[in-house]
C-alpha atoms as a PDB file:
ATOM      1  CA  MET A   1      11.200   7.319-197.906  1.00  0.00           C
ATOM      2  CA  THR A   2      12.263   4.854-195.225  1.00  0.00           C
ATOM      3  CA  LEU A   3      14.448   5.395-192.144  1.00  0.00           C
ATOM      4  CA  GLU A   4      17.206   3.429-193.639  1.00  0.00           C
ATOM      5  CA  SER A   5      17.269   5.362-197.062  1.00  0.00           C
ATOM      6  CA  ALA A   6      16.960   8.723-195.002  1.00  0.00           C
ATOM      7  CA  VAL A   7      20.073   7.684-193.015  1.00  0.00           C
ATOM      8  CA  ARG A   8      22.010   7.032-196.265  1.00  0.00           C
ATOM      9  CA  CYS A   9      20.788  10.143-197.903  1.00  0.00           C
ATOM     10  CA  LEU A  10      22.455  12.242-195.282  1.00  0.00           C
ATOM     11  CA  ASP A  11      26.013  10.948-196.103  1.00  0.00           C
ATOM     12  CA  LEU A  12      25.869  11.215-200.010  1.00  0.00           C
ATOM     13  CA  PRO A  13      29.034  12.483-201.753  1.00  0.00           C
ATOM     14  CA  CYS A  14      28.764  15.900-203.587  1.00  0.00           C
ATOM     15  CA  SER A  15      29.447  14.165-206.851  1.00  0.00           C
ATOM     16  CA  ILE A  16      26.136  12.381-206.988  1.00  0.00           C
ATOM     17  CA  SER A  17      23.321  14.243-208.691  1.00  0.00           C
ATOM     18  CA  MET A  18      20.835  16.202-206.377  1.00  0.00           C
ATOM     19  CA  ALA A  19      22.617  15.074-203.183  1.00  0.00           C
ATOM     20  CA  ALA A  20      21.963  18.414-201.586  1.00  0.00           C
ATOM     21  CA  ASP A  21      18.098  17.909-202.372  1.00  0.00           C
ATOM     22  CA  LEU A  22      18.113  14.243-201.278  1.00  0.00           C
ATOM     23  CA  SER A  23      19.989  15.320-197.997  1.00  0.00           C
ATOM     24  CA  GLU A  24      17.342  17.921-197.350  1.00  0.00           C
ATOM     25  CA  ALA A  25      14.444  15.621-198.050  1.00  0.00           C
ATOM     26  CA  ALA A  26      15.864  13.144-195.549  1.00  0.00           C
ATOM     27  CA  LYS A  27      16.220  15.683-192.836  1.00  0.00           C
ATOM     28  CA  LYS A  28      12.723  16.851-193.245  1.00  0.00           C
ATOM     29  CA  PHE A  29      11.557  13.120-193.198  1.00  0.00           C
ATOM     30  CA  LEU A  30      13.427  12.574-190.021  1.00  0.00           C
ATOM     31  CA  ALA A  31      12.270  15.841-188.204  1.00  0.00           C
ATOM     32  CA  LYS A  32       8.762  14.634-189.227  1.00  0.00           C
ATOM     33  CA  ARG A  33       9.046  11.093-187.994  1.00  0.00           C
ATOM     34  CA  TYR A  34      10.574  12.052-184.795  1.00  0.00           C
ATOM     35  CA  GLU A  35       8.659  15.112-184.118  1.00  0.00           C
ATOM     36  CA  LYS A  36       8.063  13.655-180.451  1.00  0.00           C
ATOM     37  CA  PHE A  37      11.737  12.629-180.264  1.00  0.00           C
ATOM     38  CA  LEU A  38      11.506  12.255-176.535  1.00  0.00           C
ATOM     39  CA  SER A  39       9.027   9.610-176.441  1.00  0.00           C
ATOM     40  CA  THR A  40      10.379   6.299-175.213  1.00  0.00           C
ATOM     41  CA  LYS A  41       9.231   4.350-178.180  1.00  0.00           C
ATOM     42  CA  PHE A  42      11.931   6.087-180.511  1.00  0.00           C
ATOM     43  CA  GLN A  43      14.848   6.045-178.246  1.00  0.00           C
ATOM     44  CA  ASP A  44      16.509   2.839-179.680  1.00  0.00           C
ATOM     45  CA  GLU A  45      15.950   4.102-183.150  1.00  0.00           C
ATOM     46  CA  LEU A  46      17.355   7.527-182.306  1.00  0.00           C
ATOM     47  CA  MET A  47      20.485   6.273-180.754  1.00  0.00           C
ATOM     48  CA  ARG A  48      21.467   4.948-184.215  1.00  0.00           C
ATOM     49  CA  ILE A  49      20.955   8.197-186.143  1.00  0.00           C
ATOM     50  CA  PRO A  50      24.028   9.898-187.300  1.00  0.00           C
ATOM     51  CA  LEU A  51      24.697  13.637-186.128  1.00  0.00           C
ATOM     52  CA  ALA A  52      23.295  15.200-189.028  1.00  0.00           C
ATOM     53  CA  GLY A  53      19.967  13.551-188.544  1.00  0.00           C
ATOM     54  CA  ILE A  54      20.161  14.446-184.786  1.00  0.00           C
ATOM     55  CA  VAL A  55      20.802  18.056-185.617  1.00  0.00           C
ATOM     56  CA  ALA A  56      17.958  18.093-188.121  1.00  0.00           C
ATOM     57  CA  ILE A  57      15.443  16.603-185.444  1.00  0.00           C
ATOM     58  CA  LEU A  58      16.527  19.127-182.819  1.00  0.00           C
ATOM     59  CA  SER A  59      16.508  22.166-185.035  1.00  0.00           C
ATOM     60  CA  ARG A  60      13.035  21.618-186.253  1.00  0.00           C
ATOM     61  CA  ASN A  61      11.474  20.299-183.139  1.00  0.00           C
ATOM     62  CA  LEU A  62      13.022  22.078-180.172  1.00  0.00           C
ATOM     63  CA  PRO A  63      10.332  24.960-180.153  1.00  0.00           C
ATOM     64  CA  GLY A  64       7.479  22.329-179.257  1.00  0.00           C
ATOM     65  CA  VAL A  65       9.350  20.602-176.471  1.00  0.00           C
ATOM     66  CA  ALA A  66       8.193  21.225-173.035  1.00  0.00           C
ATOM     67  CA  SER A  67      11.178  19.837-170.991  1.00  0.00           C
ATOM     68  CA  GLU A  68      14.471  21.243-171.912  1.00  0.00           C
ATOM     69  CA  LYS A  69      16.015  19.130-169.040  1.00  0.00           C
ATOM     70  CA  SER A  70      14.896  16.034-171.045  1.00  0.00           C
ATOM     71  CA  VAL A  71      16.370  17.277-174.264  1.00  0.00           C
ATOM     72  CA  TYR A  72      19.692  18.024-172.364  1.00  0.00           C
ATOM     73  CA  ASP A  73      19.647  14.414-171.164  1.00  0.00           C
ATOM     74  CA  PHE A  74      18.842  12.957-174.544  1.00  0.00           C
ATOM     75  CA  VAL A  75      21.655  14.739-176.214  1.00  0.00           C
ATOM     76  CA  LEU A  76      24.279  13.577-173.583  1.00  0.00           C
ATOM     77  CA  ARG A  77      22.964   9.924-173.766  1.00  0.00           C
ATOM     78  CA  TRP A  78      23.056  10.015-177.758  1.00  0.00           C
ATOM     79  CA  ALA A  79      26.563  11.398-177.638  1.00  0.00           C
ATOM     80  CA  ASP A  80      27.857   8.924-175.289  1.00  0.00           C
ATOM     81  CA  LEU A  81      26.708   5.985-177.120  1.00  0.00           C
ATOM     82  CA  GLN A  82      27.687   7.661-180.611  1.00  0.00           C
ATOM     83  CA  TYR A  83      31.224   8.738-179.435  1.00  0.00           C
ATOM     84  CA  PRO A  84      32.955   6.424-176.802  1.00  0.00           C
ATOM     85  CA  ASN A  85      36.129   8.663-177.362  1.00  0.00           C
ATOM     86  CA  LEU A  86      35.970  11.425-174.712  1.00  0.00           C
ATOM     87  CA  GLU A  87      37.695  14.017-176.709  1.00  0.00           C
ATOM     88  CA  GLN A  88      35.340  13.314-179.848  1.00  0.00           C
ATOM     89  CA  ARG A  89      32.389  13.334-177.728  1.00  0.00           C
ATOM     90  CA  ARG A  90      33.294  16.746-175.932  1.00  0.00           C
ATOM     91  CA  GLU A  91      33.884  18.291-179.268  1.00  0.00           C
ATOM     92  CA  ILE A  92      30.760  17.185-180.871  1.00  0.00           C
ATOM     93  CA  LEU A  93      28.614  18.345-177.804  1.00  0.00           C
ATOM     94  CA  SER A  94      30.163  21.594-177.464  1.00  0.00           C
ATOM     95  CA  SER A  95      30.383  22.499-181.154  1.00  0.00           C
ATOM     96  CA  SER A  96      27.017  20.914-182.694  1.00  0.00           C
ATOM     97  CA  LEU A  97      24.607  19.926-180.024  1.00  0.00           C
ATOM     98  CA  LEU A  98      24.687  21.794-176.697  1.00  0.00           C
ATOM     99  CA  PRO A  99      24.554  25.236-178.410  1.00  0.00           C
ATOM    100  CA  MET A 100      20.969  24.077-179.684  1.00  0.00           C
ATOM    101  CA  VAL A 101      19.713  23.405-176.124  1.00  0.00           C
ATOM    102  CA  PRO A 102      18.580  26.504-174.378  1.00  0.00           C
ATOM    103  CA  LEU A 103      19.021  24.946-171.033  1.00  0.00           C
ATOM    104  CA  ALA A 104      22.940  24.656-171.588  1.00  0.00           C
ATOM    105  CA  ARG A 105      23.266  27.798-173.733  1.00  0.00           C
ATOM    106  CA  SER A 106      22.102  30.017-170.922  1.00  0.00           C
ATOM    107  CA  MET A 107      24.986  28.855-168.774  1.00  0.00           C
ATOM    108  CA  THR A 108      28.452  29.506-170.491  1.00  0.00           C
ATOM    109  CA  ASN A 109      31.625  27.916-169.505  1.00  0.00           C
ATOM    110  CA  VAL A 110      34.986  29.474-170.478  1.00  0.00           C
ATOM    111  CA  ILE A 111      37.257  26.423-169.403  1.00  0.00           C
ATOM    112  CA  LEU A 112      36.670  22.920-170.335  1.00  0.00           C
ATOM    113  CA  ILE A 113      39.605  20.774-169.352  1.00  0.00           C
ATOM    114  CA  ASP A 114      40.536  17.252-168.290  1.00  0.00           C
ATOM    115  CA  GLN A 115      43.602  17.321-166.040  1.00  0.00           C
ATOM    116  CA  PRO A 116      44.506  16.014-162.614  1.00  0.00           C
ATOM    117  CA  SER A 117      42.438  18.731-161.100  1.00  0.00           C
ATOM    118  CA  CYS A 118      40.157  21.352-162.935  1.00  0.00           C
ATOM    119  CA  ILE A 119      38.805  24.657-162.136  1.00  0.00           C
ATOM    120  CA  ILE A 120      35.818  25.614-164.461  1.00  0.00           C
ATOM    121  CA  ASN A 121      34.376  28.984-164.802  1.00  0.00           C
ATOM    122  CA  PHE A 122      30.769  29.601-165.525  1.00  0.00           C
ATOM    123  CA  SER A 123      28.609  32.850-165.958  1.00  0.00           C
ATOM    124  CA  LEU A 124      24.971  33.315-165.687  1.00  0.00           C
ATOM    125  CA  LYS A 125      23.268  36.667-167.126  1.00  0.00           C
ATOM    126  CA  ARG A 126      20.819  38.300-164.785  1.00  0.00           C
ATOM    127  CA  GLU A 127      18.183  38.053-167.521  1.00  0.00           C
ATOM    128  CA  HIS A 128      18.408  34.320-167.687  1.00  0.00           C
ATOM    129  CA  CYS A 129      18.275  33.912-163.954  1.00  0.00           C
ATOM    130  CA  SER A 130      15.081  36.212-163.864  1.00  0.00           C
ATOM    131  CA  GLY A 131      13.511  34.559-166.882  1.00  0.00           C
ATOM    132  CA  SER A 132      14.280  30.985-165.904  1.00  0.00           C
ATOM    133  CA  PHE A 133      13.436  30.998-162.215  1.00  0.00           C
ATOM    134  CA  PRO A 134      11.259  29.854-160.438  1.00  0.00           C
ATOM    135  CA  SER A 135       9.936  27.301-162.814  1.00  0.00           C
ATOM    136  CA  GLY A 136      12.947  26.448-164.604  1.00  0.00           C
ATOM    137  CA  SER A 137      16.508  25.473-164.155  1.00  0.00           C
ATOM    138  CA  MET A 138      19.832  25.918-166.028  1.00  0.00           C
ATOM    139  CA  ARG A 139      22.673  23.352-166.648  1.00  0.00           C
ATOM    140  CA  SER A 140      26.193  23.778-167.774  1.00  0.00           C
ATOM    141  CA  PRO A 141      27.842  21.840-170.587  1.00  0.00           C
ATOM    142  CA  PRO A 142      29.397  18.735-169.024  1.00  0.00           C
ATOM    143  CA  PHE A 143      32.994  18.959-167.880  1.00  0.00           C
ATOM    144  CA  TYR A 144      35.494  15.997-167.186  1.00  0.00           C
ATOM    145  CA  ARG A 145      38.208  15.201-164.739  1.00  0.00           C
ATOM    146  CA  ALA A 146      40.200  11.852-164.966  1.00  0.00           C
ATOM    147  CA  GLY A 147      37.280  10.413-167.067  1.00  0.00           C
ATOM    148  CA  HIS A 148      34.533  11.279-164.607  1.00  0.00           C
ATOM    149  CA  GLY A 149      31.788  13.714-165.990  1.00  0.00           C
ATOM    150  CA  PHE A 150      30.148  16.642-164.051  1.00  0.00           C
ATOM    151  CA  PHE A 151      27.832  19.449-164.738  1.00  0.00           C
ATOM    152  CA  LEU A 152      26.766  22.523-162.747  1.00  0.00           C
ATOM    153  CA  SER A 153      22.912  22.913-162.225  1.00  0.00           C
ATOM    154  CA  ALA A 154      21.211  26.253-161.018  1.00  0.00           C
ATOM    155  CA  HIS A 155      17.715  26.521-159.800  1.00  0.00           C
ATOM    156  CA  ARG A 156      15.487  28.231-157.439  1.00  0.00           C
ATOM    157  CA  ARG A 157      13.211  26.537-154.807  1.00  0.00           C
ATOM    158  CA  MET A 158       9.893  28.364-153.945  1.00  0.00           C
ATOM    159  CA  GLY A 159       8.444  28.423-150.571  1.00  0.00           C
ATOM    160  CA  PRO A 160       8.987  30.056-147.157  1.00  0.00           C
ATOM    161  CA  SER A 161      12.697  29.716-147.417  1.00  0.00           C
ATOM    162  CA  ASN A 162      13.049  30.831-151.009  1.00  0.00           C
ATOM    163  CA  PHE A 163      16.644  29.801-151.926  1.00  0.00           C
ATOM    164  CA  PHE A 164      18.892  29.802-154.958  1.00  0.00           C
ATOM    165  CA  PHE A 165      20.890  26.628-155.430  1.00  0.00           C
ATOM    166  CA  LEU A 166      24.023  25.916-157.269  1.00  0.00           C
ATOM    167  CA  ILE A 167      24.569  21.967-157.456  1.00  0.00           C
ATOM    168  CA  ILE A 168      27.433  19.921-158.790  1.00  0.00           C
ATOM    169  CA  GLN A 169      26.032  16.599-160.455  1.00  0.00           C
ATOM    170  CA  LYS A 170      27.814  13.545-161.389  1.00  0.00           C
ATOM    171  CA  LEU A 171      27.172  11.945-164.843  1.00  0.00           C
ATOM    172  CA  GLU A 172      27.152   8.128-165.343  1.00  0.00           C
ATOM    173  CA  ASP A 173      30.499   7.144-164.113  1.00  0.00           C
ATOM    174  CA  LYS A 174      33.029   5.622-166.477  1.00  0.00           C
ATOM    175  CA  GLY A 175      36.312   6.820-164.964  1.00  0.00           C
ATOM    176  CA  LEU A 176      39.030   4.613-164.526  1.00  0.00           C
ATOM    177  CA  VAL A 177      40.466   6.386-161.562  1.00  0.00           C
ATOM    178  CA  GLY A 178      38.797   6.018-158.179  1.00  0.00           C
ATOM    179  CA  GLY A 179      39.437   7.809-154.976  1.00  0.00           C
ATOM    180  CA  THR A 180      38.530  10.919-153.053  1.00  0.00           C
ATOM    181  CA  LEU A 181      36.395  13.694-154.677  1.00  0.00           C
ATOM    182  CA  ASP A 182      36.751  17.092-153.647  1.00  0.00           C
ATOM    183  CA  TYR A 183      34.429  19.750-154.623  1.00  0.00           C
ATOM    184  CA  GLU A 184      34.346  23.695-154.250  1.00  0.00           C
ATOM    185  CA  ILE A 185      32.261  26.438-155.454  1.00  0.00           C
ATOM    186  CA  GLU A 186      33.137  30.062-155.458  1.00  0.00           C
ATOM    187  CA  VAL A 187      31.543  33.403-156.748  1.00  0.00           C
ATOM    188  CA  LYS A 188      32.811  36.633-157.665  1.00  0.00           C
ATOM    189  CA  THR A 189      31.331  39.408-155.489  1.00  0.00           C
ATOM    190  CA  THR A 190      31.535  43.255-155.183  1.00  0.00           C
ATOM    191  CA  PRO A 191      33.298  45.365-154.161  1.00  0.00           C
ATOM    192  CA  SER A 192      36.428  43.359-153.891  1.00  0.00           C
ATOM    193  CA  LEU A 193      35.780  41.613-157.391  1.00  0.00           C
ATOM    194  CA  GLU A 194      37.423  38.520-155.786  1.00  0.00           C
ATOM    195  CA  PHE A 195      36.100  34.969-155.830  1.00  0.00           C
ATOM    196  CA  THR A 196      34.588  33.802-152.461  1.00  0.00           C
ATOM    197  CA  THR A 197      34.192  30.369-151.238  1.00  0.00           C
ATOM    198  CA  LEU A 198      30.429  29.583-150.959  1.00  0.00           C
ATOM    199  CA  TRP A 199      30.856  25.722-150.208  1.00  0.00           C
ATOM    200  CA  ARG A 200      33.154  22.832-150.154  1.00  0.00           C
ATOM    201  CA  ARG A 201      32.724  19.181-149.908  1.00  0.00           C
ATOM    202  CA  THR A 202      34.815  15.870-149.860  1.00  0.00           C
ATOM    203  CA  THR A 203      33.310  12.595-150.995  1.00  0.00           C
ATOM    204  CA  THR A 204      34.225   9.701-153.162  1.00  0.00           C
ATOM    205  CA  THR A 205      34.184   9.064-156.876  1.00  0.00           C
ATOM    206  CA  GLY A 206      31.629   6.276-156.276  1.00  0.00           C
ATOM    207  CA  CYS A 207      28.928   8.556-155.096  1.00  0.00           C
ATOM    208  CA  ARG A 208      26.350   9.740-157.714  1.00  0.00           C
ATOM    209  CA  GLN A 209      24.728  12.219-155.271  1.00  0.00           C
ATOM    210  CA  GLY A 210      24.487  15.796-156.166  1.00  0.00           C
ATOM    211  CA  PHE A 211      26.268  18.386-153.911  1.00  0.00           C
ATOM    212  CA  GLY A 212      26.107  22.161-153.598  1.00  0.00           C
ATOM    213  CA  CYS A 213      25.202  25.128-151.849  1.00  0.00           C
ATOM    214  CA  ARG A 214      22.103  27.534-151.356  1.00  0.00           C
ATOM    215  CA  VAL A 215      21.971  31.352-151.274  1.00  0.00           C
ATOM    216  CA  PRO A 216      18.659  33.188-150.053  1.00  0.00           C
ATOM    217  CA  TRP A 217      17.136  34.328-153.343  1.00  0.00           C
ATOM    218  CA  PRO A 218      16.397  37.972-152.231  1.00  0.00           C
ATOM    219  CA  GLU A 219      20.270  38.345-151.578  1.00  0.00           C
ATOM    220  CA  VAL A 220      20.862  37.055-154.991  1.00  0.00           C
ATOM    221  CA  ILE A 221      18.630  38.995-157.413  1.00  0.00           C
ATOM    222  CA  PRO A 222      18.389  42.627-156.291  1.00  0.00           C
ATOM    223  CA  ASP A 223      19.968  45.601-158.370  1.00  0.00           C
ATOM    224  CA  ASP A 224      22.588  46.019-155.588  1.00  0.00           C
ATOM    225  CA  SER A 225      23.354  42.426-155.249  1.00  0.00           C
ATOM    226  CA  PRO A 226      26.867  41.931-154.491  1.00  0.00           C
ATOM    227  CA  PHE A 227      26.760  38.573-156.839  1.00  0.00           C
ATOM    228  CA  PHE A 228      26.167  40.210-160.041  1.00  0.00           C
ATOM    229  CA  ILE A 229      29.039  42.078-161.835  1.00  0.00           C
ATOM    230  CA  ASP A 230      28.066  43.827-165.113  1.00  0.00           C
ATOM    231  CA  ASP A 231      24.767  41.884-164.869  1.00  0.00           C
ATOM    232  CA  LYS A 232      26.566  38.446-164.683  1.00  0.00           C
ATOM    233  CA  LEU A 233      26.940  35.965-162.016  1.00  0.00           C
ATOM    234  CA  HIS A 234      30.600  34.564-162.056  1.00  0.00           C
ATOM    235  CA  ILE A 235      30.817  31.065-160.625  1.00  0.00           C
ATOM    236  CA  ARG A 236      33.835  29.008-160.227  1.00  0.00           C
ATOM    237  CA  VAL A 237      33.905  25.315-159.651  1.00  0.00           C
ATOM    238  CA  HIS A 238      36.866  23.382-158.389  1.00  0.00           C
ATOM    239  CA  VAL A 239      36.857  19.487-158.876  1.00  0.00           C
ATOM    240  CA  LYS A 240      39.787  17.365-157.687  1.00  0.00           C
ATOM    241  CA  ILE A 241      40.131  13.491-157.435  1.00  0.00           C
ATOM    242  CA  THR A 242      42.724  12.096-155.153  1.00  0.00           C
ATOM    243  CA  PRO A 243      43.501   8.321-156.437  1.00  0.00           C
ATOM    244  CA  GLN A 244      43.282   5.442-153.976  1.00  0.00           C
ATOM    245  CA  PRO A 245      46.839   4.091-153.061  1.00  0.00           C
END
């Protein structure tokens, strides 16, 4: 089987005899061929493979991948090229691809909108924080405002200071609206069970630098921590773009 024939077999109509067997054989072929799918030599080929092939490659090869961050970046890059329409891309990412990436699956978002301003709620389970840090990090699914893409990153930095970081990162800029960009990060705390502002910042849409806040890790993780409610850290992100006049 060749790459071209494998891709064709992924989209055979059900009326063709043995369509299911051929499709399964194609998925196995692609998974084996791209066992090291993060290698730079495969990137051009992979960007042309349809969704069914990418799902097959990820589902069979993710356990052996050392860098979840690289998988997350690969998935976003592939979706950006395959689905230039924002709504289609967001649907494919949220329904088919990001649920397969542990890095994104650990941080769940309950609001995903693209309006003049947006408020996005995330939650982090205590077990994921304890298990992922200090060596790992977690990233949210991407969210969008006026065509600009963002994601929230959570990680811990070891050392004398020992801080927990929440960083808002900006994706490659394709937004048509330029202007002032306002960020704000809040967390829900006990005993009030209200959201408290940890950090806010104003910048411009052209800035790709990540911004965020830090909290001493010993204040975050204890059993009596004010930040965990029912063993979940509840985070709220505000993003607002004010267009240039």
